C-alpha cells in the first residue's frame, strides 16, 4: 500500500526523474576536459536521436490495437513512406512534417 498521497507520490516521481535526467544529460559537461570519449562512441552517439525517433514512430505507425497493421488502409504508413524520401532529398524537417501531415490528411479524408 502506498502511504503517500497522490500529489506527494507525483511530486517525488517528478523530482526523482528530473534529477536523473539532469545527471544523465549533464555528465558529458561535468566531466573534466581530459576525459574524452573514444571516437567509436562519439560516432555511435551521433545516431542516437534518429534511433530513438525510429523506436517511437515505427511501432505507432505499423501497429493498431497491438497487432501489425500493414495495409492499404494504413494512412500513417503511406504518409511516412512519402515524407521520408522528401526529407532524405531536402534535409528539411519542416517539409517532412508538411508532406507527412498533408498526405495523412488527404488519405484520411478520402
N, C-alpha and C. Protein backbone atom coordinates (compact mmCIF):
# COMPACT_ATOMS: atom_id res chain seq x y z
N UNK A 1 0.84 -1.18 0.00
CA UNK A 1 0.00 0.00 0.00
C UNK A 1 0.88 1.24 0.00
N UNK A 2 0.53 2.20 -0.79
CA UNK A 2 1.27 3.44 -0.88
C UNK A 2 0.82 4.37 0.23
N UNK A 3 1.76 4.82 1.09
CA UNK A 3 1.42 5.70 2.20
C UNK A 3 1.41 7.16 1.81
N UNK A 4 1.95 7.46 0.64
CA UNK A 4 1.94 8.84 0.17
C UNK A 4 0.58 9.14 -0.45
N UNK A 5 0.20 10.41 -0.38
CA UNK A 5 -0.97 10.84 -1.13
C UNK A 5 -0.61 10.91 -2.61
N UNK A 6 -1.60 11.04 -3.45
CA UNK A 6 -1.33 11.09 -4.89
C UNK A 6 -0.39 12.23 -5.26
N UNK A 7 -0.59 13.41 -4.71
CA UNK A 7 0.25 14.55 -5.07
C UNK A 7 1.67 14.37 -4.55
N UNK A 8 1.83 13.76 -3.39
CA UNK A 8 3.17 13.52 -2.85
C UNK A 8 3.93 12.51 -3.71
N UNK A 9 3.25 11.48 -4.13
CA UNK A 9 3.88 10.46 -4.98
C UNK A 9 4.31 11.08 -6.31
N UNK A 10 3.43 11.89 -6.91
CA UNK A 10 3.75 12.52 -8.18
C UNK A 10 4.90 13.52 -8.02
N UNK A 11 4.91 14.28 -6.94
CA UNK A 11 5.98 15.24 -6.71
C UNK A 11 7.31 14.52 -6.53
N UNK A 12 7.32 13.42 -5.81
CA UNK A 12 8.54 12.64 -5.61
C UNK A 12 9.01 12.03 -6.93
N UNK A 13 8.08 11.51 -7.72
CA UNK A 13 8.44 10.91 -9.01
C UNK A 13 9.01 11.96 -9.96
N UNK A 14 8.38 13.12 -10.03
CA UNK A 14 8.86 14.18 -10.92
C UNK A 14 10.23 14.67 -10.47
N UNK A 15 10.40 14.85 -9.17
CA UNK A 15 11.70 15.30 -8.65
C UNK A 15 12.79 14.28 -8.95
N UNK A 16 12.51 13.01 -8.70
CA UNK A 16 13.49 11.96 -8.96
C UNK A 16 13.85 11.87 -10.43
N UNK A 17 12.86 11.91 -11.30
CA UNK A 17 13.13 11.84 -12.73
C UNK A 17 13.88 13.07 -13.22
N UNK A 18 13.60 14.23 -12.64
CA UNK A 18 14.32 15.45 -13.01
C UNK A 18 15.79 15.33 -12.65
N UNK A 19 16.08 14.84 -11.46
CA UNK A 19 17.47 14.67 -11.03
C UNK A 19 18.20 13.66 -11.91
N UNK A 20 17.58 12.54 -12.18
CA UNK A 20 18.20 11.51 -13.02
C UNK A 20 18.46 12.04 -14.43
N UNK A 21 17.49 12.73 -14.99
CA UNK A 21 17.65 13.29 -16.34
C UNK A 21 18.76 14.33 -16.37
N UNK A 22 18.79 15.19 -15.36
CA UNK A 22 19.84 16.22 -15.31
C UNK A 22 21.22 15.57 -15.23
N UNK A 23 21.38 14.59 -14.37
CA UNK A 23 22.68 13.94 -14.23
C UNK A 23 23.09 13.21 -15.50
N UNK A 24 22.14 12.52 -16.13
CA UNK A 24 22.47 11.78 -17.35
C UNK A 24 22.85 12.72 -18.50
N UNK A 25 22.15 13.83 -18.63
CA UNK A 25 22.42 14.75 -19.74
C UNK A 25 23.62 15.64 -19.49
N UNK A 26 23.89 15.96 -18.25
CA UNK A 26 24.99 16.87 -17.96
C UNK A 26 26.30 16.14 -17.68
N UNK A 27 26.29 14.83 -17.64
CA UNK A 27 27.51 14.09 -17.31
C UNK A 27 28.65 14.42 -18.26
N UNK A 28 28.36 14.59 -19.53
CA UNK A 28 29.41 14.90 -20.51
C UNK A 28 30.02 16.28 -20.25
N UNK A 29 29.21 17.21 -19.75
CA UNK A 29 29.71 18.56 -19.50
C UNK A 29 30.41 18.69 -18.15
N UNK A 30 30.01 17.84 -17.20
CA UNK A 30 30.59 17.92 -15.86
C UNK A 30 31.91 17.18 -15.74
N UNK A 31 32.20 16.29 -16.68
CA UNK A 31 33.46 15.56 -16.64
C UNK A 31 34.62 16.50 -16.95
N UNK A 32 35.78 16.24 -16.39
CA UNK A 32 36.95 17.07 -16.71
C UNK A 32 37.27 16.99 -18.20
N UNK A 33 37.92 18.03 -18.72
CA UNK A 33 38.20 18.08 -20.16
C UNK A 33 39.19 17.00 -20.59
N UNK A 34 39.97 16.49 -19.66
CA UNK A 34 40.94 15.44 -20.03
C UNK A 34 40.26 14.09 -20.29
N UNK A 35 39.02 13.94 -19.84
CA UNK A 35 38.27 12.71 -20.09
C UNK A 35 37.61 12.85 -21.46
N UNK A 36 37.98 11.98 -22.38
CA UNK A 36 37.43 12.04 -23.74
C UNK A 36 36.79 10.70 -24.08
N UNK A 37 35.71 10.76 -24.84
CA UNK A 37 35.07 9.54 -25.32
C UNK A 37 35.89 8.97 -26.47
N UNK A 38 35.93 7.66 -26.57
CA UNK A 38 36.60 7.07 -27.74
C UNK A 38 35.87 7.50 -29.02
N UNK A 39 36.60 7.61 -30.13
CA UNK A 39 35.97 8.05 -31.39
C UNK A 39 34.81 7.16 -31.82
N UNK A 40 34.89 5.86 -31.56
CA UNK A 40 33.79 4.97 -31.94
C UNK A 40 32.52 5.30 -31.15
N UNK A 41 32.64 5.66 -29.88
CA UNK A 41 31.48 6.06 -29.08
C UNK A 41 30.89 7.36 -29.60
N UNK A 42 31.77 8.29 -29.96
CA UNK A 42 31.32 9.57 -30.48
C UNK A 42 30.52 9.38 -31.77
N UNK A 43 31.01 8.53 -32.66
CA UNK A 43 30.29 8.24 -33.91
C UNK A 43 28.96 7.56 -33.61
N UNK A 44 28.94 6.62 -32.68
CA UNK A 44 27.71 5.91 -32.35
C UNK A 44 26.67 6.84 -31.73
N UNK A 45 27.10 7.78 -30.90
CA UNK A 45 26.16 8.69 -30.25
C UNK A 45 25.51 9.66 -31.24
N UNK A 46 26.13 9.89 -32.38
CA UNK A 46 25.52 10.75 -33.39
C UNK A 46 24.24 10.14 -33.96
N UNK A 47 24.15 8.82 -33.92
CA UNK A 47 22.97 8.14 -34.46
C UNK A 47 21.87 7.96 -33.43
N UNK A 48 22.12 8.28 -32.18
CA UNK A 48 21.14 8.05 -31.12
C UNK A 48 19.81 8.79 -31.35
N UNK A 49 19.79 10.07 -31.71
CA UNK A 49 18.49 10.73 -31.90
C UNK A 49 17.63 10.08 -32.98
N UNK A 50 18.24 9.70 -34.08
CA UNK A 50 17.49 9.03 -35.14
C UNK A 50 16.96 7.67 -34.71
N UNK A 51 17.76 6.95 -33.96
CA UNK A 51 17.33 5.64 -33.46
C UNK A 51 16.17 5.77 -32.49
N UNK A 52 16.24 6.76 -31.62
CA UNK A 52 15.15 6.98 -30.66
C UNK A 52 13.88 7.39 -31.39
N UNK A 53 14.00 8.26 -32.36
CA UNK A 53 12.83 8.68 -33.13
C UNK A 53 12.20 7.49 -33.85
N UNK A 54 13.03 6.66 -34.46
CA UNK A 54 12.51 5.47 -35.15
C UNK A 54 11.85 4.52 -34.16
N UNK A 55 12.43 4.36 -32.99
CA UNK A 55 11.86 3.46 -31.99
C UNK A 55 10.51 3.95 -31.49
N UNK A 56 10.28 5.24 -31.53
CA UNK A 56 8.99 5.79 -31.10
C UNK A 56 7.98 5.78 -32.24
N UNK A 57 8.40 6.16 -33.44
CA UNK A 57 7.47 6.34 -34.56
C UNK A 57 7.05 5.01 -35.17
N UNK A 58 7.99 4.12 -35.44
CA UNK A 58 7.68 2.89 -36.18
C UNK A 58 6.60 2.05 -35.51
N UNK A 59 6.66 1.77 -34.20
CA UNK A 59 5.58 0.99 -33.61
C UNK A 59 4.22 1.67 -33.70
N UNK A 60 4.19 3.00 -33.60
CA UNK A 60 2.91 3.71 -33.70
C UNK A 60 2.36 3.71 -35.12
N UNK A 61 3.23 3.68 -36.10
CA UNK A 61 2.79 3.73 -37.49
C UNK A 61 2.37 2.34 -37.99
N UNK A 62 3.09 1.32 -37.59
CA UNK A 62 2.87 -0.01 -38.16
C UNK A 62 2.05 -0.95 -37.29
N UNK A 63 1.46 -0.46 -36.21
CA UNK A 63 0.59 -1.31 -35.38
C UNK A 63 -0.72 -0.61 -35.10
N UNK A 64 -1.72 -1.41 -34.84
CA UNK A 64 -3.02 -0.91 -34.39
C UNK A 64 -3.58 -1.96 -33.43
N UNK A 65 -3.98 -1.54 -32.27
CA UNK A 65 -4.50 -2.44 -31.23
C UNK A 65 -3.51 -3.56 -30.92
N UNK A 66 -2.24 -3.22 -30.85
CA UNK A 66 -1.16 -4.15 -30.50
C UNK A 66 -0.96 -5.27 -31.52
N UNK A 67 -1.38 -5.05 -32.74
CA UNK A 67 -1.18 -6.02 -33.82
C UNK A 67 -0.60 -5.29 -35.03
N UNK A 68 0.20 -6.00 -35.80
CA UNK A 68 0.77 -5.41 -37.01
C UNK A 68 -0.35 -4.94 -37.93
N UNK A 69 -0.17 -3.76 -38.49
CA UNK A 69 -1.18 -3.19 -39.39
C UNK A 69 -0.48 -2.62 -40.61
N UNK A 70 -0.14 -3.50 -41.53
CA UNK A 70 0.48 -3.11 -42.79
C UNK A 70 -0.56 -3.37 -43.86
N UNK A 71 -1.19 -2.29 -44.31
CA UNK A 71 -2.35 -2.43 -45.18
C UNK A 71 -2.47 -1.18 -46.05
N UNK A 72 -3.28 -1.32 -47.11
CA UNK A 72 -3.57 -0.16 -47.96
C UNK A 72 -4.32 0.91 -47.18
N UNK A 73 -5.05 0.52 -46.13
CA UNK A 73 -5.83 1.46 -45.33
C UNK A 73 -5.02 2.14 -44.23
N UNK A 74 -3.74 1.83 -44.10
CA UNK A 74 -2.90 2.45 -43.07
C UNK A 74 -2.38 3.79 -43.60
N UNK A 75 -3.12 4.85 -43.31
CA UNK A 75 -2.77 6.18 -43.82
C UNK A 75 -1.46 6.69 -43.24
N UNK A 76 -1.18 6.36 -42.00
CA UNK A 76 0.07 6.79 -41.38
C UNK A 76 1.28 6.19 -42.11
N UNK A 77 1.18 4.92 -42.47
CA UNK A 77 2.27 4.25 -43.17
C UNK A 77 2.56 4.94 -44.50
N UNK A 78 1.51 5.26 -45.25
CA UNK A 78 1.70 5.91 -46.54
C UNK A 78 2.26 7.32 -46.38
N UNK A 79 1.84 8.02 -45.33
CA UNK A 79 2.36 9.36 -45.08
C UNK A 79 3.86 9.30 -44.79
N UNK A 80 4.28 8.33 -43.99
CA UNK A 80 5.71 8.17 -43.69
C UNK A 80 6.48 7.78 -44.94
N UNK A 81 5.93 6.85 -45.72
CA UNK A 81 6.62 6.40 -46.92
C UNK A 81 6.79 7.51 -47.96
N UNK A 82 5.89 8.48 -47.97
CA UNK A 82 6.05 9.62 -48.88
C UNK A 82 6.92 10.73 -48.29
N UNK A 83 6.87 10.93 -46.99
CA UNK A 83 7.60 12.03 -46.37
C UNK A 83 9.09 11.75 -46.20
N UNK A 84 9.46 10.52 -45.91
CA UNK A 84 10.87 10.21 -45.66
C UNK A 84 11.75 10.47 -46.88
N UNK A 85 11.38 10.03 -48.09
CA UNK A 85 12.23 10.37 -49.24
C UNK A 85 12.37 11.88 -49.46
N UNK A 86 11.32 12.64 -49.17
CA UNK A 86 11.40 14.10 -49.29
C UNK A 86 12.44 14.63 -48.32
N UNK A 87 12.44 14.11 -47.08
CA UNK A 87 13.42 14.55 -46.10
C UNK A 87 14.84 14.15 -46.50
N UNK A 88 15.00 12.92 -47.00
CA UNK A 88 16.33 12.45 -47.40
C UNK A 88 16.89 13.35 -48.50
N UNK A 89 16.03 13.78 -49.40
CA UNK A 89 16.50 14.62 -50.51
C UNK A 89 16.74 16.07 -50.09
N UNK A 90 15.86 16.63 -49.27
CA UNK A 90 15.94 18.06 -48.95
C UNK A 90 16.56 18.37 -47.59
N UNK A 91 16.55 17.41 -46.68
CA UNK A 91 17.02 17.61 -45.29
C UNK A 91 16.23 18.70 -44.57
N UNK A 92 14.99 18.89 -44.96
CA UNK A 92 14.14 19.91 -44.35
C UNK A 92 13.12 19.23 -43.43
N UNK A 93 13.26 19.46 -42.13
CA UNK A 93 12.33 18.88 -41.17
C UNK A 93 10.93 19.46 -41.35
N UNK A 94 10.86 20.74 -41.67
CA UNK A 94 9.56 21.37 -41.89
C UNK A 94 8.84 20.77 -43.09
N UNK A 95 9.57 20.50 -44.15
CA UNK A 95 8.99 19.87 -45.34
C UNK A 95 8.57 18.44 -45.04
N UNK A 96 9.35 17.73 -44.24
CA UNK A 96 8.99 16.37 -43.81
C UNK A 96 7.65 16.38 -43.09
N UNK A 97 7.50 17.28 -42.15
CA UNK A 97 6.24 17.37 -41.38
C UNK A 97 5.10 17.78 -42.30
N UNK A 98 5.34 18.74 -43.17
CA UNK A 98 4.28 19.20 -44.07
C UNK A 98 3.81 18.13 -45.03
N UNK A 99 4.74 17.43 -45.67
CA UNK A 99 4.37 16.35 -46.61
C UNK A 99 3.67 15.23 -45.87
N UNK A 100 4.20 14.85 -44.71
CA UNK A 100 3.59 13.76 -43.94
C UNK A 100 2.18 14.09 -43.50
N UNK A 101 1.98 15.28 -42.95
CA UNK A 101 0.65 15.66 -42.47
C UNK A 101 -0.32 15.87 -43.62
N UNK A 102 0.14 16.45 -44.72
CA UNK A 102 -0.73 16.64 -45.88
C UNK A 102 -1.16 15.30 -46.45
N UNK A 103 -0.21 14.39 -46.59
CA UNK A 103 -0.55 13.06 -47.12
C UNK A 103 -1.53 12.34 -46.20
N UNK A 104 -1.25 12.37 -44.91
CA UNK A 104 -2.15 11.71 -43.95
C UNK A 104 -3.54 12.31 -44.00
N UNK A 105 -3.62 13.64 -44.05
CA UNK A 105 -4.92 14.30 -44.05
C UNK A 105 -5.71 13.98 -45.31
N UNK A 106 -5.06 14.04 -46.46
CA UNK A 106 -5.74 13.75 -47.73
C UNK A 106 -6.25 12.30 -47.75
N UNK A 107 -5.40 11.36 -47.34
CA UNK A 107 -5.82 9.97 -47.33
C UNK A 107 -6.94 9.71 -46.35
N UNK A 108 -6.90 10.36 -45.22
CA UNK A 108 -7.94 10.17 -44.20
C UNK A 108 -9.27 10.73 -44.68
N UNK A 109 -9.23 11.84 -45.40
CA UNK A 109 -10.47 12.46 -45.87
C UNK A 109 -11.08 11.75 -47.08
N UNK A 110 -10.29 10.98 -47.80
CA UNK A 110 -10.82 10.28 -48.99
C UNK A 110 -11.69 9.12 -48.63
